[in-house]
Amino acid sequence: MKTFENEVLTFDPQSAKSMKSMPDKLREWGEAGFQVVSVVEASAEGRGGWNLYVFLTREIVSADKENAA
């Protein structure tokens, strides 16, 4: 059975700094083997704005599978 590791990144579209960092952060996670599976815009609790939530995943490959290849 395949197993996956998941991560969620949060970006603030109202922050130029946050949005400017987005491509670099996504590139870093991509180089680590993650891929974007969804992007959701949702209310930012407590501050009255919106955030972008980027959902990432990558397959966890066990040492046994790597040795078999």
PDB file of N, CA and C in Angstrom:
ATOM      1  N   MET A   1       0.836  -1.166   0.000  1.00  0.00           N
ATOM      2  CA  MET A   1       0.000   0.000   0.000  1.00  0.00           C
ATOM      3  C   MET A   1       0.893   1.246   0.000  1.00  0.00           C
ATOM      4  N   LYS A   2       0.565   2.198  -0.824  1.00  0.00           N
ATOM      5  CA  LYS A   2       1.321   3.441  -0.881  1.00  0.00           C
ATOM      6  C   LYS A   2       0.973   4.311   0.324  1.00  0.00           C
ATOM      7  N   THR A   3       1.973   5.010   0.814  1.00  0.00           N
ATOM      8  CA  THR A   3       1.739   5.981   1.878  1.00  0.00           C
ATOM      9  C   THR A   3       2.263   7.335   1.412  1.00  0.00           C
ATOM     10  N   PHE A   4       1.641   8.386   1.933  1.00  0.00           N
ATOM     11  CA  PHE A   4       1.966   9.733   1.495  1.00  0.00           C
ATOM     12  C   PHE A   4       2.221  10.648   2.676  1.00  0.00           C
ATOM     13  N   GLU A   5       3.059  11.616   2.435  1.00  0.00           N
ATOM     14  CA  GLU A   5       3.331  12.680   3.397  1.00  0.00           C
ATOM     15  C   GLU A   5       2.670  13.937   2.844  1.00  0.00           C
ATOM     16  N   ASN A   6       1.992  14.681   3.696  1.00  0.00           N
ATOM     17  CA  ASN A   6       1.263  15.866   3.258  1.00  0.00           C
ATOM     18  C   ASN A   6       1.713  17.093   4.035  1.00  0.00           C
ATOM     19  N   GLU A   7       1.645  18.230   3.387  1.00  0.00           N
ATOM     20  CA  GLU A   7       1.984  19.513   4.005  1.00  0.00           C
ATOM     21  C   GLU A   7       0.990  20.563   3.523  1.00  0.00           C
ATOM     22  N   VAL A   8       0.820  21.603   4.322  1.00  0.00           N
ATOM     23  CA  VAL A   8      -0.022  22.733   3.945  1.00  0.00           C
ATOM     24  C   VAL A   8       0.794  24.007   4.135  1.00  0.00           C
ATOM     25  N   LEU A   9       0.899  24.804   3.079  1.00  0.00           N
ATOM     26  CA  LEU A   9       1.565  26.102   3.150  1.00  0.00           C
ATOM     27  C   LEU A   9       0.498  27.183   3.143  1.00  0.00           C
ATOM     28  N   THR A  10       0.742  28.263   3.866  1.00  0.00           N
ATOM     29  CA  THR A  10      -0.215  29.368   3.944  1.00  0.00           C
ATOM     30  C   THR A  10       0.440  30.637   3.415  1.00  0.00           C
ATOM     31  N   PHE A  11      -0.271  31.323   2.533  1.00  0.00           N
ATOM     32  CA  PHE A  11       0.201  32.590   1.982  1.00  0.00           C
ATOM     33  C   PHE A  11      -0.889  33.640   2.150  1.00  0.00           C
ATOM     34  N   ASP A  12      -0.472  34.865   2.455  1.00  0.00           N
ATOM     35  CA  ASP A  12      -1.394  35.987   2.640  1.00  0.00           C
ATOM     36  C   ASP A  12      -1.390  36.837   1.371  1.00  0.00           C
ATOM     37  N   PRO A  13      -2.466  36.804   0.575  1.00  0.00           N
ATOM     38  CA  PRO A  13      -2.493  37.562  -0.674  1.00  0.00           C
ATOM     39  C   PRO A  13      -2.441  39.073  -0.467  1.00  0.00           C
ATOM     40  N   GLN A  14      -2.711  39.533   0.746  1.00  0.00           N
ATOM     41  CA  GLN A  14      -2.665  40.970   1.030  1.00  0.00           C
ATOM     42  C   GLN A  14      -1.258  41.427   1.413  1.00  0.00           C
ATOM     43  N   SER A  15      -0.337  40.485   1.540  1.00  0.00           N
ATOM     44  CA  SER A  15       1.045  40.794   1.915  1.00  0.00           C
ATOM     45  C   SER A  15       1.958  40.599   0.708  1.00  0.00           C
ATOM     46  N   ALA A  16       2.559  41.688   0.254  1.00  0.00           N
ATOM     47  CA  ALA A  16       3.471  41.597  -0.892  1.00  0.00           C
ATOM     48  C   ALA A  16       4.639  40.666  -0.573  1.00  0.00           C
ATOM     49  N   LYS A  17       5.130  40.711   0.658  1.00  0.00           N
ATOM     50  CA  LYS A  17       6.251  39.852   1.060  1.00  0.00           C
ATOM     51  C   LYS A  17       5.864  38.376   0.970  1.00  0.00           C
ATOM     52  N   SER A  18       4.669  38.051   1.451  1.00  0.00           N
ATOM     53  CA  SER A  18       4.196  36.666   1.416  1.00  0.00           C
ATOM     54  C   SER A  18       4.056  36.173  -0.023  1.00  0.00           C
ATOM     55  N   MET A  19       3.458  36.991  -0.871  1.00  0.00           N
ATOM     56  CA  MET A  19       3.242  36.574  -2.257  1.00  0.00           C
ATOM     57  C   MET A  19       4.555  36.504  -3.037  1.00  0.00           C
ATOM     58  N   LYS A  20       5.495  37.393  -2.707  1.00  0.00           N
ATOM     59  CA  LYS A  20       6.793  37.361  -3.390  1.00  0.00           C
ATOM     60  C   LYS A  20       7.568  36.094  -3.030  1.00  0.00           C
ATOM     61  N   SER A  21       7.382  35.596  -1.808  1.00  0.00           N
ATOM     62  CA  SER A  21       8.097  34.388  -1.372  1.00  0.00           C
ATOM     63  C   SER A  21       7.479  33.100  -1.921  1.00  0.00           C
ATOM     64  N   MET A  22       6.261  33.189  -2.432  1.00  0.00           N
ATOM     65  CA  MET A  22       5.522  31.991  -2.855  1.00  0.00           C
ATOM     66  C   MET A  22       6.270  31.152  -3.900  1.00  0.00           C
ATOM     67  N   PRO A  23       6.754  31.726  -5.008  1.00  0.00           N
ATOM     68  CA  PRO A  23       7.437  30.882  -6.005  1.00  0.00           C
ATOM     69  C   PRO A  23       8.658  30.158  -5.448  1.00  0.00           C
ATOM     70  N   ASP A  24       9.447  30.857  -4.617  1.00  0.00           N
ATOM     71  CA  ASP A  24      10.642  30.228  -4.050  1.00  0.00           C
ATOM     72  C   ASP A  24      10.277  29.094  -3.102  1.00  0.00           C
ATOM     73  N   LYS A  25       9.269  29.307  -2.261  1.00  0.00           N
ATOM     74  CA  LYS A  25       8.848  28.261  -1.322  1.00  0.00           C
ATOM     75  C   LYS A  25       8.311  27.040  -2.078  1.00  0.00           C
ATOM     76  N   LEU A  26       7.506  27.278  -3.112  1.00  0.00           N
ATOM     77  CA  LEU A  26       6.966  26.158  -3.889  1.00  0.00           C
ATOM     78  C   LEU A  26       8.084  25.413  -4.619  1.00  0.00           C
ATOM     79  N   ARG A  27       9.069  26.145  -5.104  1.00  0.00           N
ATOM     80  CA  ARG A  27      10.214  25.508  -5.777  1.00  0.00           C
ATOM     81  C   ARG A  27      10.981  24.627  -4.785  1.00  0.00           C
ATOM     82  N   GLU A  28      11.212  25.147  -3.569  1.00  0.00           N
ATOM     83  CA  GLU A  28      11.924  24.371  -2.543  1.00  0.00           C
ATOM     84  C   GLU A  28      11.188  23.069  -2.226  1.00  0.00           C
ATOM     85  N   TRP A  29       9.880  23.157  -2.024  1.00  0.00           N
ATOM     86  CA  TRP A  29       9.091  21.962  -1.709  1.00  0.00           C
ATOM     87  C   TRP A  29       9.069  21.013  -2.904  1.00  0.00           C
ATOM     88  N   GLY A  30       9.007  21.559  -4.120  1.00  0.00           N
ATOM     89  CA  GLY A  30       9.039  20.726  -5.319  1.00  0.00           C
ATOM     90  C   GLY A  30      10.348  19.972  -5.454  1.00  0.00           C
ATOM     91  N   GLU A  31      11.455  20.647  -5.146  1.00  0.00           N
ATOM     92  CA  GLU A  31      12.760  19.993  -5.205  1.00  0.00           C
ATOM     93  C   GLU A  31      12.882  18.890  -4.157  1.00  0.00           C
ATOM     94  N   ALA A  32      12.078  18.992  -3.091  1.00  0.00           N
ATOM     95  CA  ALA A  32      12.066  17.954  -2.048  1.00  0.00           C
ATOM     96  C   ALA A  32      11.111  16.815  -2.403  1.00  0.00           C
ATOM     97  N   GLY A  33      10.512  16.881  -3.603  1.00  0.00           N
ATOM     98  CA  GLY A  33       9.664  15.791  -4.066  1.00  0.00           C
ATOM     99  C   GLY A  33       8.170  15.987  -3.874  1.00  0.00           C
ATOM    100  N   PHE A  34       7.768  17.153  -3.366  1.00  0.00           N
ATOM    101  CA  PHE A  34       6.343  17.411  -3.157  1.00  0.00           C
ATOM    102  C   PHE A  34       5.711  17.963  -4.422  1.00  0.00           C
ATOM    103  N   GLN A  35       4.420  17.706  -4.586  1.00  0.00           N
ATOM    104  CA  GLN A  35       3.665  18.307  -5.676  1.00  0.00           C
ATOM    105  C   GLN A  35       2.399  18.943  -5.118  1.00  0.00           C
ATOM    106  N   VAL A  36       1.984  20.038  -5.747  1.00  0.00           N
ATOM    107  CA  VAL A  36       0.767  20.734  -5.332  1.00  0.00           C
ATOM    108  C   VAL A  36      -0.435  19.926  -5.798  1.00  0.00           C
ATOM    109  N   VAL A  37      -1.366  19.673  -4.881  1.00  0.00           N
ATOM    110  CA  VAL A  37      -2.577  18.948  -5.246  1.00  0.00           C
ATOM    111  C   VAL A  37      -3.812  19.834  -5.190  1.00  0.00           C
ATOM    112  N   SER A  38      -3.731  20.960  -4.474  1.00  0.00           N
ATOM    113  CA  SER A  38      -4.881  21.853  -4.385  1.00  0.00           C
ATOM    114  C   SER A  38      -4.454  23.199  -3.819  1.00  0.00           C
ATOM    115  N   VAL A  39      -5.167  24.244  -4.236  1.00  0.00           N
ATOM    116  CA  VAL A  39      -4.992  25.582  -3.664  1.00  0.00           C
ATOM    117  C   VAL A  39      -6.383  26.085  -3.315  1.00  0.00           C
ATOM    118  N   VAL A  40      -6.534  26.532  -2.065  1.00  0.00           N
ATOM    119  CA  VAL A  40      -7.836  26.985  -1.581  1.00  0.00           C
ATOM    120  C   VAL A  40      -7.689  28.382  -1.000  1.00  0.00           C
ATOM    121  N   GLU A  41      -8.612  29.256  -1.364  1.00  0.00           N
ATOM    122  CA  GLU A  41      -8.681  30.577  -0.747  1.00  0.00           C
ATOM    123  C   GLU A  41      -9.743  30.507   0.341  1.00  0.00           C
ATOM    124  N   ALA A  42      -9.375  30.872   1.564  1.00  0.00           N
ATOM    125  CA  ALA A  42     -10.324  30.776   2.673  1.00  0.00           C
ATOM    126  C   ALA A  42     -10.103  31.926   3.645  1.00  0.00           C
ATOM    127  N   SER A  43     -11.122  32.188   4.425  1.00  0.00           N
ATOM    128  CA  SER A  43     -11.080  33.252   5.417  1.00  0.00           C
ATOM    129  C   SER A  43      -9.930  33.035   6.392  1.00  0.00           C
ATOM    130  N   ALA A  44      -9.222  34.119   6.684  1.00  0.00           N
ATOM    131  CA  ALA A  44      -8.136  34.072   7.667  1.00  0.00           C
ATOM    132  C   ALA A  44      -8.742  34.379   9.026  1.00  0.00           C
ATOM    133  N   GLU A  45      -8.870  33.364   9.820  1.00  0.00           N
ATOM    134  CA  GLU A  45      -9.534  33.486  11.111  1.00  0.00           C
ATOM    135  C   GLU A  45      -8.881  34.561  11.974  1.00  0.00           C
ATOM    136  N   GLY A  46      -9.703  35.467  12.482  1.00  0.00           N
ATOM    137  CA  GLY A  46      -9.242  36.456  13.436  1.00  0.00           C
ATOM    138  C   GLY A  46      -8.700  37.752  12.864  1.00  0.00           C
ATOM    139  N   ARG A  47      -8.523  37.842  11.535  1.00  0.00           N
ATOM    140  CA  ARG A  47      -7.987  39.097  11.014  1.00  0.00           C
ATOM    141  C   ARG A  47      -8.832  39.690   9.891  1.00  0.00           C
ATOM    142  N   GLY A  48      -9.900  39.034   9.531  1.00  0.00           N
ATOM    143  CA  GLY A  48     -10.830  39.598   8.560  1.00  0.00           C
ATOM    144  C   GLY A  48     -10.360  39.622   7.124  1.00  0.00           C
ATOM    145  N   GLY A  49      -9.380  38.834   6.777  1.00  0.00           N
ATOM    146  CA  GLY A  49      -8.903  38.768   5.399  1.00  0.00           C
ATOM    147  C   GLY A  49      -8.989  37.355   4.867  1.00  0.00           C
ATOM    148  N   TRP A  50      -8.222  37.113   3.817  1.00  0.00           N
ATOM    149  CA  TRP A  50      -8.198  35.802   3.177  1.00  0.00           C
ATOM    150  C   TRP A  50      -6.773  35.290   3.116  1.00  0.00           C
ATOM    151  N   ASN A  51      -6.630  33.999   3.136  1.00  0.00           N
ATOM    152  CA  ASN A  51      -5.339  33.337   2.941  1.00  0.00           C
ATOM    153  C   ASN A  51      -5.454  32.351   1.797  1.00  0.00           C
ATOM    154  N   LEU A  52      -4.319  32.056   1.186  1.00  0.00           N
ATOM    155  CA  LEU A  52      -4.229  30.964   0.223  1.00  0.00           C
ATOM    156  C   LEU A  52      -3.591  29.783   0.939  1.00  0.00           C
ATOM    157  N   TYR A  53      -4.245  28.654   0.877  1.00  0.00           N
ATOM    158  CA  TYR A  53      -3.724  27.426   1.473  1.00  0.00           C
ATOM    159  C   TYR A  53      -3.325  26.503   0.332  1.00  0.00           C
ATOM    160  N   VAL A  54      -2.054  26.136   0.299  1.00  0.00           N
ATOM    161  CA  VAL A  54      -1.521  25.282  -0.756  1.00  0.00           C
ATOM    162  C   VAL A  54      -1.258  23.904  -0.153  1.00  0.00           C
ATOM    163  N   PHE A  55      -1.938  22.898  -0.684  1.00  0.00           N
ATOM    164  CA  PHE A  55      -1.820  21.527  -0.182  1.00  0.00           C
ATOM    165  C   PHE A  55      -0.839  20.766  -1.064  1.00  0.00           C
ATOM    166  N   LEU A  56       0.146  20.134  -0.411  1.00  0.00           N
ATOM    167  CA  LEU A  56       1.195  19.397  -1.118  1.00  0.00           C
ATOM    168  C   LEU A  56       1.233  17.957  -0.635  1.00  0.00           C
ATOM    169  N   THR A  57       1.732  17.086  -1.495  1.00  0.00           N
ATOM    170  CA  THR A  57       1.874  15.682  -1.116  1.00  0.00           C
ATOM    171  C   THR A  57       3.084  15.078  -1.819  1.00  0.00           C
ATOM    172  N   ARG A  58       3.621  14.020  -1.215  1.00  0.00           N
ATOM    173  CA  ARG A  58       4.648  13.210  -1.882  1.00  0.00           C
ATOM    174  C   ARG A  58       4.545  11.796  -1.334  1.00  0.00           C
ATOM    175  N   GLU A  59       4.869  10.856  -2.190  1.00  0.00           N
ATOM    176  CA  GLU A  59       4.840   9.455  -1.778  1.00  0.00           C
ATOM    177  C   GLU A  59       6.048   9.162  -0.895  1.00  0.00           C
ATOM    178  N   ILE A  60       5.809   8.410   0.162  1.00  0.00           N
ATOM    179  CA  ILE A  60       6.896   7.957   1.025  1.00  0.00           C
ATOM    180  C   ILE A  60       7.364   6.622   0.474  1.00  0.00           C
ATOM    181  N   VAL A  61       8.619   6.582   0.071  1.00  0.00           N
ATOM    182  CA  VAL A  61       9.190   5.360  -0.492  1.00  0.00           C
ATOM    183  C   VAL A  61      10.038   4.708   0.591  1.00  0.00           C
ATOM    184  N   SER A  62       9.689   3.486   0.940  1.00  0.00           N
ATOM    185  CA  SER A  62      10.437   2.780   1.984  1.00  0.00           C
ATOM    186  C   SER A  62      11.781   2.314   1.444  1.00  0.00           C
ATOM    187  N   ALA A  63      12.704   2.044   2.336  1.00  0.00           N
ATOM    188  CA  ALA A  63      14.036   1.566   1.952  1.00  0.00           C
ATOM    189  C   ALA A  63      13.947   0.245   1.190  1.00  0.00           C
ATOM    190  N   ASP A  64      12.972  -0.615   1.543  1.00  0.00           N
ATOM    191  CA  ASP A  64      12.799  -1.897   0.849  1.00  0.00           C
ATOM    192  C   ASP A  64      12.481  -1.682  -0.623  1.00  0.00           C
ATOM    193  N   LYS A  65      11.604  -0.719  -0.923  1.00  0.00           N
ATOM    194  CA  LYS A  65      11.233  -0.446  -2.309  1.00  0.00           C
ATOM    195  C   LYS A  65      12.417   0.123  -3.079  1.00  0.00           C
ATOM    196  N   GLU A  66      13.195   1.000  -2.432  1.00  0.00           N
ATOM    197  CA  GLU A  66      14.355   1.586  -3.100  1.00  0.00           C
ATOM    198  C   GLU A  66      15.383   0.515  -3.437  1.00  0.00           C
ATOM    199  N   ASN A  67      15.598  -0.425  -2.530  1.00  0.00           N
ATOM    200  CA  ASN A  67      16.574  -1.492  -2.758  1.00  0.00           C
ATOM    201  C   ASN A  67      16.114  -2.463  -3.832  1.00  0.00           C
ATOM    202  N   ALA A  68      14.816  -2.642  -3.992  1.00  0.00           N
ATOM    203  CA  ALA A  68      14.279  -3.565  -4.984  1.00  0.00           C
ATOM    204  C   ALA A  68      14.402  -3.002  -6.397  1.00  0.00           C
ATOM    205  N   ALA A  69      14.512  -1.688  -6.516  1.00  0.00           N
ATOM    206  CA  ALA A  69      14.542  -1.051  -7.839  1.00  0.00           C
ATOM    207  C   ALA A  69      15.849  -1.164  -8.520  1.00  0.00           C
TER     208      ALA A  69
END
